[in-house]
Amino acid sequence: MNHQDPHGLDAFCCSGSSPTLSLLGLGKVGRAFVALPDLQDWRLCSVSDRSGTLCDQKGLDGPHISAAKIVGRSVAAQGGGGPREPDLALSLIEAEYVVDCTDTHLDSCDESLARSLAILDRGQCLVSAAKSALLADPQAFLVGDRLARYGFNAVLGGTGLDLKRELTVIQQGCTEIVAVPNACTGSLIQSIEEGLDRDAAFALARERELLEADPEQDIDARDAAIKITMVANLVYGTRVDWRELERPHFNELDLDLLTWRREQGKTTRLVCRADREGVRLAYEELDLGSTLAIPWTRVLYGYHECGSSRRIMVGKGVGAEGTARALFADLNDIRQGREKA
């Protein structure tokens, strides 16, 4: 039964043994997430998009909601009579876990942070694919027990869970962070190396669901800059502003140079480097055997310590389905931690 009320949602507590979920956002990632077969052991109690909130204490049919959204039926059109404002919807629905699949809006990071902290401070758990909150203030998630109930695995392409587990050790000894965090530019470069022209390379990246909601975020290196500054600020406790970084634009690359390098047994990747002195981004020439020369289906974050010690984290959270599975890994990790406590 869909819970509808002319004044919004009445507060209720989902009952039963299965962990309960609320989902924010039904874009590509949100649709892929609710369609995951692995969610059968969880109870999806509410789904919100910009049109409203669909809610059922007994559990919603995620694959059905996803399929309806794909053909253009919003949550409201599917019978969702709850509030459009996500903060209000979440404050009224007492699900144990919240999954944030909303788009990253760079002009509303503080709003996203406030919503995320409110969720955690109500005692709920939160896993997120949106970068806005962590970008606004990563240190805020280290206060109290928030980090134990917060997951950012999907934000970092499936490497956030490993970073979270090793964060304390990394914070103590990391001298440099090296990352290849943007799968879209990796796909574009590989396509051009294989002989596709620019338009065909972009079309393939779009087909692979690698482009951000605002594709320019990939092309002008904003996505990469955001991710490396989030990680640097989290690890070093700094306050680097990604907007102040010099960012290489993909359109400024010499495409003939990319193909020539490949013929010479080399390749190119957008590489991000950070230490306590600052953050740098550049398209670097790499040997094909380099650790950084990862395929477009992966992202990489390396945490170097004094001497030759380094921690390499490779993630498969690429594209809508990969991101959805990274979210699910976070859910399971937090759930297991709570069950052991």
C-alpha atoms as a PDB file:
ATOM      1  CA  MET A   1       0.000   0.000   0.000  1.00  0.00           C
ATOM      2  CA  ASN A   2       1.327   3.449  -0.845  1.00  0.00           C
ATOM      3  CA  HIS A   3       1.239   5.833   2.080  1.00  0.00           C
ATOM      4  CA  GLN A   4      -0.238   9.146   0.939  1.00  0.00           C
ATOM      5  CA  ASP A   5      -1.375  12.180   2.926  1.00  0.00           C
ATOM      6  CA  PRO A   6      -2.478  15.630   1.689  1.00  0.00           C
ATOM      7  CA  HIS A   7      -0.106  17.207   4.225  1.00  0.00           C
ATOM      8  CA  GLY A   8       2.850  14.968   3.376  1.00  0.00           C
ATOM      9  CA  LEU A   9       3.990  11.747   5.042  1.00  0.00           C
ATOM     10  CA  ASP A  10       2.923  10.773   8.524  1.00  0.00           C
ATOM     11  CA  ALA A  11       5.895   9.684  10.591  1.00  0.00           C
ATOM     12  CA  PHE A  12       6.208   5.939  10.855  1.00  0.00           C
ATOM     13  CA  CYS A  13       8.766   3.342  11.790  1.00  0.00           C
ATOM     14  CA  CYS A  14       9.341   0.442   9.426  1.00  0.00           C
ATOM     15  CA  SER A  15       8.998  -2.837  11.285  1.00  0.00           C
ATOM     16  CA  GLY A  16      10.306  -6.316  10.581  1.00  0.00           C
ATOM     17  CA  SER A  17      13.648  -8.090  10.504  1.00  0.00           C
ATOM     18  CA  SER A  18      15.011  -6.911   7.145  1.00  0.00           C
ATOM     19  CA  PRO A  19      17.133  -3.734   7.200  1.00  0.00           C
ATOM     20  CA  THR A  20      15.106  -0.810   5.899  1.00  0.00           C
ATOM     21  CA  LEU A  21      16.162   1.610   3.167  1.00  0.00           C
ATOM     22  CA  SER A  22      15.254   5.061   1.895  1.00  0.00           C
ATOM     23  CA  LEU A  23      16.556   6.086  -1.519  1.00  0.00           C
ATOM     24  CA  LEU A  24      17.163   9.630  -2.718  1.00  0.00           C
ATOM     25  CA  GLY A  25      17.415  10.129  -6.469  1.00  0.00           C
ATOM     26  CA  LEU A  26      16.222   8.012  -9.388  1.00  0.00           C
ATOM     27  CA  GLY A  27      18.730   8.970 -12.040  1.00  0.00           C
ATOM     28  CA  LYS A  28      20.835   6.299 -13.759  1.00  0.00           C
ATOM     29  CA  VAL A  29      22.596   5.265 -10.551  1.00  0.00           C
ATOM     30  CA  GLY A  30      19.423   5.261  -8.446  1.00  0.00           C
ATOM     31  CA  ARG A  31      17.581   3.167 -11.023  1.00  0.00           C
ATOM     32  CA  ALA A  32      20.465   0.695 -11.224  1.00  0.00           C
ATOM     33  CA  PHE A  33      20.594   0.480  -7.430  1.00  0.00           C
ATOM     34  CA  VAL A  34      16.923  -0.307  -6.790  1.00  0.00           C
ATOM     35  CA  ALA A  35      17.053  -2.925  -9.571  1.00  0.00           C
ATOM     36  CA  LEU A  36      19.935  -4.846  -7.937  1.00  0.00           C
ATOM     37  CA  PRO A  37      18.894  -8.464  -7.237  1.00  0.00           C
ATOM     38  CA  ASP A  38      21.077  -8.371  -4.099  1.00  0.00           C
ATOM     39  CA  LEU A  39      18.557  -6.036  -2.460  1.00  0.00           C
ATOM     40  CA  GLN A  40      16.151  -8.906  -1.818  1.00  0.00           C
ATOM     41  CA  ASP A  41      17.444  -9.137   1.746  1.00  0.00           C
ATOM     42  CA  TRP A  42      16.680  -5.461   2.364  1.00  0.00           C
ATOM     43  CA  ARG A  43      13.369  -3.609   2.578  1.00  0.00           C
ATOM     44  CA  LEU A  44      13.053  -0.545   0.356  1.00  0.00           C
ATOM     45  CA  CYS A  45      10.594   1.625   2.279  1.00  0.00           C
ATOM     46  CA  SER A  46      10.776   4.880   0.352  1.00  0.00           C
ATOM     47  CA  VAL A  47      12.030   6.339  -2.904  1.00  0.00           C
ATOM     48  CA  SER A  48      12.232  10.076  -3.599  1.00  0.00           C
ATOM     49  CA  ASP A  49      12.847  12.034  -6.767  1.00  0.00           C
ATOM     50  CA  ARG A  50      12.167  15.688  -7.594  1.00  0.00           C
ATOM     51  CA  SER A  51       8.439  14.979  -7.979  1.00  0.00           C
ATOM     52  CA  GLY A  52       7.801  13.493  -4.543  1.00  0.00           C
ATOM     53  CA  THR A  53       8.183  10.425  -2.341  1.00  0.00           C
ATOM     54  CA  LEU A  54       6.805   6.919  -2.770  1.00  0.00           C
ATOM     55  CA  CYS A  55       6.506   4.993   0.471  1.00  0.00           C
ATOM     56  CA  ASP A  56       5.357   1.602   1.723  1.00  0.00           C
ATOM     57  CA  GLN A  57       6.073   0.145   5.149  1.00  0.00           C
ATOM     58  CA  LYS A  58       5.938  -3.397   3.774  1.00  0.00           C
ATOM     59  CA  GLY A  59       8.503  -2.650   1.064  1.00  0.00           C
ATOM     60  CA  LEU A  60       8.505  -1.315  -2.475  1.00  0.00           C
ATOM     61  CA  ASP A  61       9.197  -3.173  -5.715  1.00  0.00           C
ATOM     62  CA  GLY A  62      12.524  -1.639  -6.717  1.00  0.00           C
ATOM     63  CA  PRO A  63      12.836  -3.193 -10.193  1.00  0.00           C
ATOM     64  CA  HIS A  64       9.264  -2.108 -11.035  1.00  0.00           C
ATOM     65  CA  ILE A  65       9.952   1.464  -9.892  1.00  0.00           C
ATOM     66  CA  SER A  66      13.182   1.530 -11.902  1.00  0.00           C
ATOM     67  CA  ALA A  67      11.499   0.244 -15.054  1.00  0.00           C
ATOM     68  CA  ALA A  68       8.684   2.780 -14.730  1.00  0.00           C
ATOM     69  CA  LYS A  69      11.141   5.629 -14.255  1.00  0.00           C
ATOM     70  CA  ILE A  70      13.093   4.575 -17.348  1.00  0.00           C
ATOM     71  CA  VAL A  71       9.973   5.039 -19.492  1.00  0.00           C
ATOM     72  CA  GLY A  72       9.330   8.481 -18.000  1.00  0.00           C
ATOM     73  CA  ARG A  73       7.022   7.839 -15.029  1.00  0.00           C
ATOM     74  CA  SER A  74       8.152   9.978 -12.102  1.00  0.00           C
ATOM     75  CA  VAL A  75       7.665   8.932  -8.492  1.00  0.00           C
ATOM     76  CA  ALA A  76       4.587  11.175  -8.327  1.00  0.00           C
ATOM     77  CA  ALA A  77       3.156   9.480 -11.426  1.00  0.00           C
ATOM     78  CA  GLN A  78       3.697   6.128  -9.722  1.00  0.00           C
ATOM     79  CA  GLY A  79       1.534   7.173  -6.771  1.00  0.00           C
ATOM     80  CA  GLY A  80       4.118   8.929  -4.652  1.00  0.00           C
ATOM     81  CA  GLY A  81       2.213  11.513  -2.631  1.00  0.00           C
ATOM     82  CA  GLY A  82       4.945  12.334  -0.144  1.00  0.00           C
ATOM     83  CA  PRO A  83       6.855  15.607   0.069  1.00  0.00           C
ATOM     84  CA  ARG A  84       9.192  16.755  -2.660  1.00  0.00           C
ATOM     85  CA  GLU A  85      11.725  18.096  -0.177  1.00  0.00           C
ATOM     86  CA  PRO A  86      14.178  15.267   0.623  1.00  0.00           C
ATOM     87  CA  ASP A  87      15.012  16.672   4.060  1.00  0.00           C
ATOM     88  CA  LEU A  88      11.356  16.534   5.100  1.00  0.00           C
ATOM     89  CA  ALA A  89      10.797  13.096   3.615  1.00  0.00           C
ATOM     90  CA  LEU A  90      13.826  11.626   5.383  1.00  0.00           C
ATOM     91  CA  SER A  91      12.975  13.212   8.724  1.00  0.00           C
ATOM     92  CA  LEU A  92       9.549  11.542   8.581  1.00  0.00           C
ATOM     93  CA  ILE A  93      10.684   8.107   7.436  1.00  0.00           C
ATOM     94  CA  GLU A  94      12.609   6.169  10.040  1.00  0.00           C
ATOM     95  CA  ALA A  95      14.479   3.823   7.728  1.00  0.00           C
ATOM     96  CA  GLU A  96      17.733   2.532   9.161  1.00  0.00           C
ATOM     97  CA  TYR A  97      19.739   3.238   6.018  1.00  0.00           C
ATOM     98  CA  VAL A  98      19.647   6.107   3.515  1.00  0.00           C
ATOM     99  CA  VAL A  99      21.136   5.785   0.028  1.00  0.00           C
ATOM    100  CA  ASP A 100      21.942   9.114  -1.662  1.00  0.00           C
ATOM    101  CA  CYS A 101      21.979   8.859  -5.460  1.00  0.00           C
ATOM    102  CA  THR A 102      21.274  12.519  -6.144  1.00  0.00           C
ATOM    103  CA  ASP A 103      23.321  14.414  -8.715  1.00  0.00           C
ATOM    104  CA  THR A 104      26.326  16.398  -7.534  1.00  0.00           C
ATOM    105  CA  HIS A 105      25.434  20.083  -7.631  1.00  0.00           C
ATOM    106  CA  LEU A 106      28.485  22.207  -6.962  1.00  0.00           C
ATOM    107  CA  ASP A 107      26.398  25.213  -5.940  1.00  0.00           C
ATOM    108  CA  SER A 108      24.577  23.355  -3.154  1.00  0.00           C
ATOM    109  CA  CYS A 109      27.368  21.514  -1.336  1.00  0.00           C
ATOM    110  CA  ASP A 110      26.569  23.098   2.036  1.00  0.00           C
ATOM    111  CA  GLU A 111      22.928  22.055   1.705  1.00  0.00           C
ATOM    112  CA  SER A 112      23.981  18.494   0.903  1.00  0.00           C
ATOM    113  CA  LEU A 113      26.361  18.472   3.866  1.00  0.00           C
ATOM    114  CA  ALA A 114      23.653  19.676   6.240  1.00  0.00           C
ATOM    115  CA  ARG A 115      21.269  16.959   5.020  1.00  0.00           C
ATOM    116  CA  SER A 116      23.940  14.260   5.356  1.00  0.00           C
ATOM    117  CA  LEU A 117      24.899  15.268   8.883  1.00  0.00           C
ATOM    118  CA  ALA A 118      21.238  15.474   9.922  1.00  0.00           C
ATOM    119  CA  ILE A 119      20.735  11.888   8.721  1.00  0.00           C
ATOM    120  CA  LEU A 120      23.750  10.647  10.643  1.00  0.00           C
ATOM    121  CA  ASP A 121      22.932  12.624  13.771  1.00  0.00           C
ATOM    122  CA  ARG A 122      19.451  11.069  13.833  1.00  0.00           C
ATOM    123  CA  GLY A 123      21.223   7.742  14.236  1.00  0.00           C
ATOM    124  CA  GLN A 124      20.626   6.546  10.670  1.00  0.00           C
ATOM    125  CA  CYS A 125      23.284   5.174   8.335  1.00  0.00           C
ATOM    126  CA  LEU A 126      24.106   6.883   5.052  1.00  0.00           C
ATOM    127  CA  VAL A 127      25.849   5.663   1.905  1.00  0.00           C
ATOM    128  CA  SER A 128      26.337   8.107  -0.910  1.00  0.00           C
ATOM    129  CA  ALA A 129      27.214   8.336  -4.575  1.00  0.00           C
ATOM    130  CA  ALA A 130      26.895  12.145  -4.470  1.00  0.00           C
ATOM    131  CA  LYS A 131      30.117  14.080  -3.981  1.00  0.00           C
ATOM    132  CA  SER A 132      28.634  17.328  -2.675  1.00  0.00           C
ATOM    133  CA  ALA A 133      28.638  16.653   1.081  1.00  0.00           C
ATOM    134  CA  LEU A 134      32.119  15.171   1.257  1.00  0.00           C
ATOM    135  CA  LEU A 135      33.411  18.010  -0.902  1.00  0.00           C
ATOM    136  CA  ALA A 136      31.952  20.631   1.433  1.00  0.00           C
ATOM    137  CA  ASP A 137      33.740  19.377   4.564  1.00  0.00           C
ATOM    138  CA  PRO A 138      35.218  15.858   4.739  1.00  0.00           C
ATOM    139  CA  GLN A 139      36.438  16.433   8.291  1.00  0.00           C
ATOM    140  CA  ALA A 140      32.837  16.771   9.492  1.00  0.00           C
ATOM    141  CA  PHE A 141      32.347  13.049   8.904  1.00  0.00           C
ATOM    142  CA  LEU A 142      35.163  12.214  11.323  1.00  0.00           C
ATOM    143  CA  VAL A 143      33.325  13.695  14.311  1.00  0.00           C
ATOM    144  CA  GLY A 144      31.978  11.221  16.868  1.00  0.00           C
ATOM    145  CA  ASP A 145      30.770   7.943  15.384  1.00  0.00           C
ATOM    146  CA  ARG A 146      29.627   9.420  12.073  1.00  0.00           C
ATOM    147  CA  LEU A 147      32.256   7.669   9.962  1.00  0.00           C
ATOM    148  CA  ALA A 148      31.158   4.243  11.244  1.00  0.00           C
ATOM    149  CA  ARG A 149      27.705   4.919   9.747  1.00  0.00           C
ATOM    150  CA  TYR A 150      28.774   6.767   6.606  1.00  0.00           C
ATOM    151  CA  GLY A 151      29.902   5.219   3.334  1.00  0.00           C
ATOM    152  CA  PHE A 152      31.599   6.999   0.419  1.00  0.00           C
ATOM    153  CA  ASN A 153      32.744   3.954  -1.525  1.00  0.00           C
ATOM    154  CA  ALA A 154      30.828   4.979  -4.654  1.00  0.00           C
ATOM    155  CA  VAL A 155      32.097   8.560  -4.502  1.00  0.00           C
ATOM    156  CA  LEU A 156      35.620   7.245  -5.111  1.00  0.00           C
ATOM    157  CA  GLY A 157      34.739   4.670  -7.747  1.00  0.00           C
ATOM    158  CA  GLY A 158      34.643   1.705  -5.391  1.00  0.00           C
ATOM    159  CA  THR A 159      37.831   2.553  -3.468  1.00  0.00           C
ATOM    160  CA  GLY A 160      36.217   4.562  -0.682  1.00  0.00           C
ATOM    161  CA  LEU A 161      35.557   1.481   1.441  1.00  0.00           C
ATOM    162  CA  ASP A 162      39.236   0.511   1.451  1.00  0.00           C
ATOM    163  CA  LEU A 163      40.229   4.096   2.258  1.00  0.00           C
ATOM    164  CA  LYS A 164      37.756   4.226   5.127  1.00  0.00           C
ATOM    165  CA  ARG A 165      39.128   0.988   6.596  1.00  0.00           C
ATOM    166  CA  GLU A 166      42.734   2.189   6.416  1.00  0.00           C
ATOM    167  CA  LEU A 167      42.176   5.902   6.923  1.00  0.00           C
ATOM    168  CA  THR A 168      43.824   6.215  10.337  1.00  0.00           C
ATOM    169  CA  VAL A 169      47.032   4.543   9.174  1.00  0.00           C
ATOM    170  CA  ILE A 170      47.078   6.497   5.916  1.00  0.00           C
ATOM    171  CA  GLN A 171      46.572   9.797   7.741  1.00  0.00           C
ATOM    172  CA  GLN A 172      49.603   9.086   9.898  1.00  0.00           C
ATOM    173  CA  GLY A 173      52.094   8.184   7.187  1.00  0.00           C
ATOM    174  CA  CYS A 174      50.957   9.297   3.734  1.00  0.00           C
ATOM    175  CA  THR A 175      53.476  11.510   1.943  1.00  0.00           C
ATOM    176  CA  GLU A 176      51.811  11.600  -1.480  1.00  0.00           C
ATOM    177  CA  ILE A 177      48.487  10.646  -3.047  1.00  0.00           C
ATOM    178  CA  VAL A 178      48.478   9.639  -6.718  1.00  0.00           C
ATOM    179  CA  ALA A 179      45.182   8.979  -8.452  1.00  0.00           C
ATOM    180  CA  VAL A 180      43.616   8.191 -11.812  1.00  0.00           C
ATOM    181  CA  PRO A 181      40.051   8.912 -10.715  1.00  0.00           C
ATOM    182  CA  ASN A 182      38.142   9.722 -13.898  1.00  0.00           C
ATOM    183  CA  ALA A 183      36.956   6.766 -15.997  1.00  0.00           C
ATOM    184  CA  CYS A 184      35.441   8.990 -18.673  1.00  0.00           C
ATOM    185  CA  THR A 185      38.735  10.487 -19.832  1.00  0.00           C
ATOM    186  CA  GLY A 186      40.287   7.012 -19.735  1.00  0.00           C
ATOM    187  CA  SER A 187      37.547   5.767 -22.050  1.00  0.00           C
ATOM    188  CA  LEU A 188      37.986   8.726 -24.416  1.00  0.00           C
ATOM    189  CA  ILE A 189      41.741   8.232 -24.616  1.00  0.00           C
ATOM    190  CA  GLN A 190      41.459   4.486 -25.209  1.00  0.00           C
ATOM    191  CA  SER A 191      38.866   5.045 -27.947  1.00  0.00           C
ATOM    192  CA  ILE A 192      41.084   7.574 -29.718  1.00  0.00           C
ATOM    193  CA  GLU A 193      44.087   5.247 -29.394  1.00  0.00           C
ATOM    194  CA  GLU A 194      41.958   2.582 -31.107  1.00  0.00           C
ATOM    195  CA  GLY A 195      41.228   4.876 -34.049  1.00  0.00           C
ATOM    196  CA  LEU A 196      37.897   6.519 -33.206  1.00  0.00           C
ATOM    197  CA  ASP A 197      37.458  10.226 -33.840  1.00  0.00           C
ATOM    198  CA  ARG A 198      36.459  12.632 -31.074  1.00  0.00           C
ATOM    199  CA  ASP A 199      32.701  12.483 -31.686  1.00  0.00           C
ATOM    200  CA  ALA A 200      32.649   8.681 -31.813  1.00  0.00           C
ATOM    201  CA  ALA A 201      34.751   8.503 -28.640  1.00  0.00           C
ATOM    202  CA  PHE A 202      32.282  10.732 -26.809  1.00  0.00           C
ATOM    203  CA  ALA A 203      29.326   8.743 -28.108  1.00  0.00           C
ATOM    204  CA  LEU A 204      30.875   5.536 -26.769  1.00  0.00           C
ATOM    205  CA  ALA A 205      31.603   7.121 -23.381  1.00  0.00           C
ATOM    206  CA  ARG A 206      27.962   8.211 -23.205  1.00  0.00           C
ATOM    207  CA  GLU A 207      26.815   4.708 -24.136  1.00  0.00           C
ATOM    208  CA  ARG A 208      28.995   3.352 -21.324  1.00  0.00           C
ATOM    209  CA  GLU A 209      27.225   5.778 -18.931  1.00  0.00           C
ATOM    210  CA  LEU A 210      30.513   7.390 -17.930  1.00  0.00           C
ATOM    211  CA  LEU A 211      29.623  11.052 -18.448  1.00  0.00           C
ATOM    212  CA  GLU A 212      28.569  13.145 -15.469  1.00  0.00           C
ATOM    213  CA  ALA A 213      25.093  14.716 -15.444  1.00  0.00           C
ATOM    214  CA  ASP A 214      27.005  17.815 -16.543  1.00  0.00           C
ATOM    215  CA  PRO A 215      29.469  16.286 -19.071  1.00  0.00           C
ATOM    216  CA  GLU A 216      31.680  19.359 -18.914  1.00  0.00           C
ATOM    217  CA  GLN A 217      32.712  18.247 -15.402  1.00  0.00           C
ATOM    218  CA  ASP A 218      34.620  15.368 -17.015  1.00  0.00           C
ATOM    219  CA  ILE A 219      36.017  17.345 -19.935  1.00  0.00           C
ATOM    220  CA  ASP A 220      37.384  20.300 -17.960  1.00  0.00           C
ATOM    221  CA  ALA A 221      38.766  17.995 -15.205  1.00  0.00           C
ATOM    222  CA  ARG A 222      36.386  19.275 -12.535  1.00  0.00           C
ATOM    223  CA  ASP A 223      35.382  15.734 -11.601  1.00  0.00           C
ATOM    224  CA  ALA A 224      39.010  14.694 -11.120  1.00  0.00           C
ATOM    225  CA  ALA A 225      39.862  17.907  -9.253  1.00  0.00           C
ATOM    226  CA  ILE A 226      36.915  17.437  -6.908  1.00  0.00           C
ATOM    227  CA  LYS A 227      37.848  13.848  -6.100  1.00  0.00           C
ATOM    228  CA  ILE A 228      41.532  14.469  -5.444  1.00  0.00           C
ATOM    229  CA  THR A 229      40.828  17.494  -3.236  1.00  0.00           C
ATOM    230  CA  MET A 230      38.244  15.526  -1.243  1.00  0.00           C
ATOM    231  CA  VAL A 231      40.776  12.786  -0.604  1.00  0.00           C
ATOM    232  CA  ALA A 232      43.635  15.196   0.126  1.00  0.00           C
ATOM    233  CA  ASN A 233      41.537  17.187   2.580  1.00  0.00           C
ATOM    234  CA  LEU A 234      40.354  13.980   4.261  1.00  0.00           C
ATOM    235  CA  VAL A 235      43.846  12.500   4.568  1.00  0.00           C
ATOM    236  CA  TYR A 236      45.853  15.637   5.359  1.00  0.00           C
ATOM    237  CA  GLY A 237      43.214  17.709   7.139  1.00  0.00           C
ATOM    238  CA  THR A 238      43.813  20.553   4.679  1.00  0.00           C
ATOM    239  CA  ARG A 239      41.298  22.962   3.112  1.00  0.00           C
ATOM    240  CA  VAL A 240      42.296  22.866  -0.560  1.00  0.00           C
ATOM    241  CA  ASP A 241      39.700  24.504  -2.806  1.00  0.00           C
ATOM    242  CA  TRP A 242      39.314  22.591  -6.076  1.00  0.00           C
ATOM    243  CA  ARG A 243      38.263  25.817  -7.840  1.00  0.00           C
ATOM    244  CA  GLU A 244      41.746  27.252  -7.333  1.00  0.00           C
ATOM    245  CA  LEU A 245      43.484  24.361  -9.095  1.00  0.00           C
ATOM    246  CA  GLU A 246      44.885  24.578 -12.608  1.00  0.00           C
ATOM    247  CA  ARG A 247      42.912  21.984 -14.581  1.00  0.00           C
ATOM    248  CA  PRO A 248      43.886  20.549 -17.982  1.00  0.00           C
ATOM    249  CA  HIS A 249      41.037  20.517 -20.504  1.00  0.00           C
ATOM    250  CA  PHE A 250      40.539  17.414 -22.613  1.00  0.00           C
ATOM    251  CA  ASN A 251      39.807  19.507 -25.706  1.00  0.00           C
ATOM    252  CA  GLU A 252      43.325  20.952 -25.517  1.00  0.00           C
ATOM    253  CA  LEU A 253      44.929  17.530 -25.989  1.00  0.00           C
ATOM    254  CA  ASP A 254      46.644  16.774 -29.282  1.00  0.00           C
ATOM    255  CA  LEU A 255      44.721  13.692 -30.429  1.00  0.00           C
ATOM    256  CA  ASP A 256      47.423  12.783 -32.943  1.00  0.00           C
ATOM    257  CA  LEU A 257      49.909  12.771 -30.068  1.00  0.00           C
ATOM    258  CA  LEU A 258      47.723  10.287 -28.192  1.00  0.00           C
ATOM    259  CA  THR A 259      47.722   7.834 -31.089  1.00  0.00           C
ATOM    260  CA  TRP A 260      51.465   8.343 -31.691  1.00  0.00           C
ATOM    261  CA  ARG A 261      52.238   7.558 -28.057  1.00  0.00           C
ATOM    262  CA  ARG A 262      50.211   4.353 -28.312  1.00  0.00           C
ATOM    263  CA  GLU A 263      52.182   3.318 -31.384  1.00  0.00           C
ATOM    264  CA  GLN A 264      55.362   3.844 -29.337  1.00  0.00           C
ATOM    265  CA  GLY A 265      54.147   1.560 -26.556  1.00  0.00           C
ATOM    266  CA  LYS A 266      52.992   4.422 -24.350  1.00  0.00           C
ATOM    267  CA  THR A 267      49.634   5.736 -23.238  1.00  0.00           C
ATOM    268  CA  THR A 268      48.120   8.803 -21.574  1.00  0.00           C
ATOM    269  CA  ARG A 269      46.049   9.259 -18.426  1.00  0.00           C
ATOM    270  CA  LEU A 270      44.667  12.162 -16.407  1.00  0.00           C
ATOM    271  CA  VAL A 271      46.798  11.818 -13.268  1.00  0.00           C
ATOM    272  CA  CYS A 272      46.184  13.663 -10.002  1.00  0.00           C
ATOM    273  CA  ARG A 273      48.895  14.133  -7.388  1.00  0.00           C
ATOM    274  CA  ALA A 274      48.581  15.616  -3.914  1.00  0.00           C
ATOM    275  CA  ASP A 275      50.777  16.141  -0.874  1.00  0.00           C
ATOM    276  CA  ARG A 276      50.764  18.552   2.037  1.00  0.00           C
ATOM    277  CA  GLU A 277      52.036  21.289  -0.257  1.00  0.00           C
ATOM    278  CA  GLY A 278      49.193  21.169  -2.755  1.00  0.00           C
ATOM    279  CA  VAL A 279      47.385  19.366  -5.571  1.00  0.00           C
ATOM    280  CA  ARG A 280      48.333  18.994  -9.235  1.00  0.00           C
ATOM    281  CA  LEU A 281      46.529  17.556 -12.279  1.00  0.00           C
ATOM    282  CA  ALA A 282      48.010  16.727 -15.671  1.00  0.00           C
ATOM    283  CA  TYR A 283      47.639  14.409 -18.640  1.00  0.00           C
ATOM    284  CA  GLU A 284      50.767  12.298 -18.236  1.00  0.00           C
ATOM    285  CA  GLU A 285      52.577  10.054 -20.701  1.00  0.00           C
ATOM    286  CA  LEU A 286      52.881   6.567 -19.170  1.00  0.00           C
ATOM    287  CA  ASP A 287      54.433   3.247 -20.065  1.00  0.00           C
ATOM    288  CA  LEU A 288      51.779   0.653 -20.849  1.00  0.00           C
ATOM    289  CA  GLY A 289      53.086  -1.395 -17.934  1.00  0.00           C
ATOM    290  CA  SER A 290      52.745   1.470 -15.449  1.00  0.00           C
ATOM    291  CA  THR A 291      50.525   0.928 -12.434  1.00  0.00           C
ATOM    292  CA  LEU A 292      48.731   4.135 -13.447  1.00  0.00           C
ATOM    293  CA  ALA A 293      47.946   2.901 -16.967  1.00  0.00           C
ATOM    294  CA  ILE A 294      44.709   1.289 -15.825  1.00  0.00           C
ATOM    295  CA  PRO A 295      41.876   0.429 -18.242  1.00  0.00           C
ATOM    296  CA  TRP A 296      38.866   2.752 -18.361  1.00  0.00           C
ATOM    297  CA  THR A 297      36.834   0.177 -16.424  1.00  0.00           C
ATOM    298  CA  ARG A 298      38.841   0.973 -13.272  1.00  0.00           C
ATOM    299  CA  VAL A 299      39.884   3.907 -11.120  1.00  0.00           C
ATOM    300  CA  LEU A 300      43.009   3.986  -8.975  1.00  0.00           C
ATOM    301  CA  TYR A 301      44.123   5.751  -5.801  1.00  0.00           C
ATOM    302  CA  GLY A 302      47.627   5.262  -4.442  1.00  0.00           C
ATOM    303  CA  TYR A 303      48.793   6.341  -0.991  1.00  0.00           C
ATOM    304  CA  HIS A 304      52.567   6.556  -0.752  1.00  0.00           C
ATOM    305  CA  GLU A 305      54.461   6.501   2.528  1.00  0.00           C
ATOM    306  CA  CYS A 306      58.091   7.230   3.383  1.00  0.00           C
ATOM    307  CA  GLY A 307      60.448   4.963   1.483  1.00  0.00           C
ATOM    308  CA  SER A 308      58.909   2.624  -1.067  1.00  0.00           C
ATOM    309  CA  SER A 309      55.799   1.663   0.866  1.00  0.00           C
ATOM    310  CA  ARG A 310      52.510   2.377  -0.887  1.00  0.00           C
ATOM    311  CA  ARG A 311      48.885   1.313  -0.754  1.00  0.00           C
ATOM    312  CA  ILE A 312      47.208   0.902  -4.129  1.00  0.00           C
ATOM    313  CA  MET A 313      43.404   0.832  -4.225  1.00  0.00           C
ATOM    314  CA  VAL A 314      41.698  -0.058  -7.493  1.00  0.00           C
ATOM    315  CA  GLY A 315      37.932   0.254  -7.858  1.00  0.00           C
ATOM    316  CA  LYS A 316      35.377  -1.056 -10.330  1.00  0.00           C
ATOM    317  CA  GLY A 317      32.659   1.444  -9.389  1.00  0.00           C
ATOM    318  CA  VAL A 318      32.425   2.787 -12.932  1.00  0.00           C
ATOM    319  CA  GLY A 319      29.192   3.539 -14.786  1.00  0.00           C
ATOM    320  CA  ALA A 320      25.711   3.302 -13.296  1.00  0.00           C
ATOM    321  CA  GLU A 321      25.782  -0.400 -12.416  1.00  0.00           C
ATOM    322  CA  GLY A 322      29.329  -0.285 -11.050  1.00  0.00           C
ATOM    323  CA  THR A 323      28.426   2.706  -8.891  1.00  0.00           C
ATOM    324  CA  ALA A 324      25.288   0.932  -7.648  1.00  0.00           C
ATOM    325  CA  ARG A 325      27.341  -2.089  -6.629  1.00  0.00           C
ATOM    326  CA  ALA A 326      29.827   0.158  -4.832  1.00  0.00           C
ATOM    327  CA  LEU A 327      26.900   1.569  -2.841  1.00  0.00           C
ATOM    328  CA  PHE A 328      25.720  -1.930  -2.000  1.00  0.00           C
ATOM    329  CA  ALA A 329      29.206  -2.899  -0.779  1.00  0.00           C
ATOM    330  CA  ASP A 330      29.067   0.076   1.592  1.00  0.00           C
ATOM    331  CA  LEU A 331      25.652  -1.000   2.879  1.00  0.00           C
ATOM    332  CA  ASN A 332      26.848  -4.506   3.631  1.00  0.00           C
ATOM    333  CA  ASP A 333      29.992  -3.266   5.347  1.00  0.00           C
ATOM    334  CA  ILE A 334      28.098  -0.917   7.657  1.00  0.00           C
ATOM    335  CA  ARG A 335      25.472  -3.555   8.348  1.00  0.00           C
ATOM    336  CA  GLN A 336      28.096  -6.145   9.290  1.00  0.00           C
ATOM    337  CA  GLY A 337      29.843  -3.653  11.537  1.00  0.00           C
ATOM    338  CA  ARG A 338      26.618  -2.881  13.359  1.00  0.00           C
ATOM    339  CA  GLU A 339      25.748  -6.563  13.745  1.00  0.00           C
ATOM    340  CA  LYS A 340      29.151  -7.265  15.280  1.00  0.00           C
ATOM    341  CA  ALA A 341      28.921  -4.340  17.702  1.00  0.00           C
END
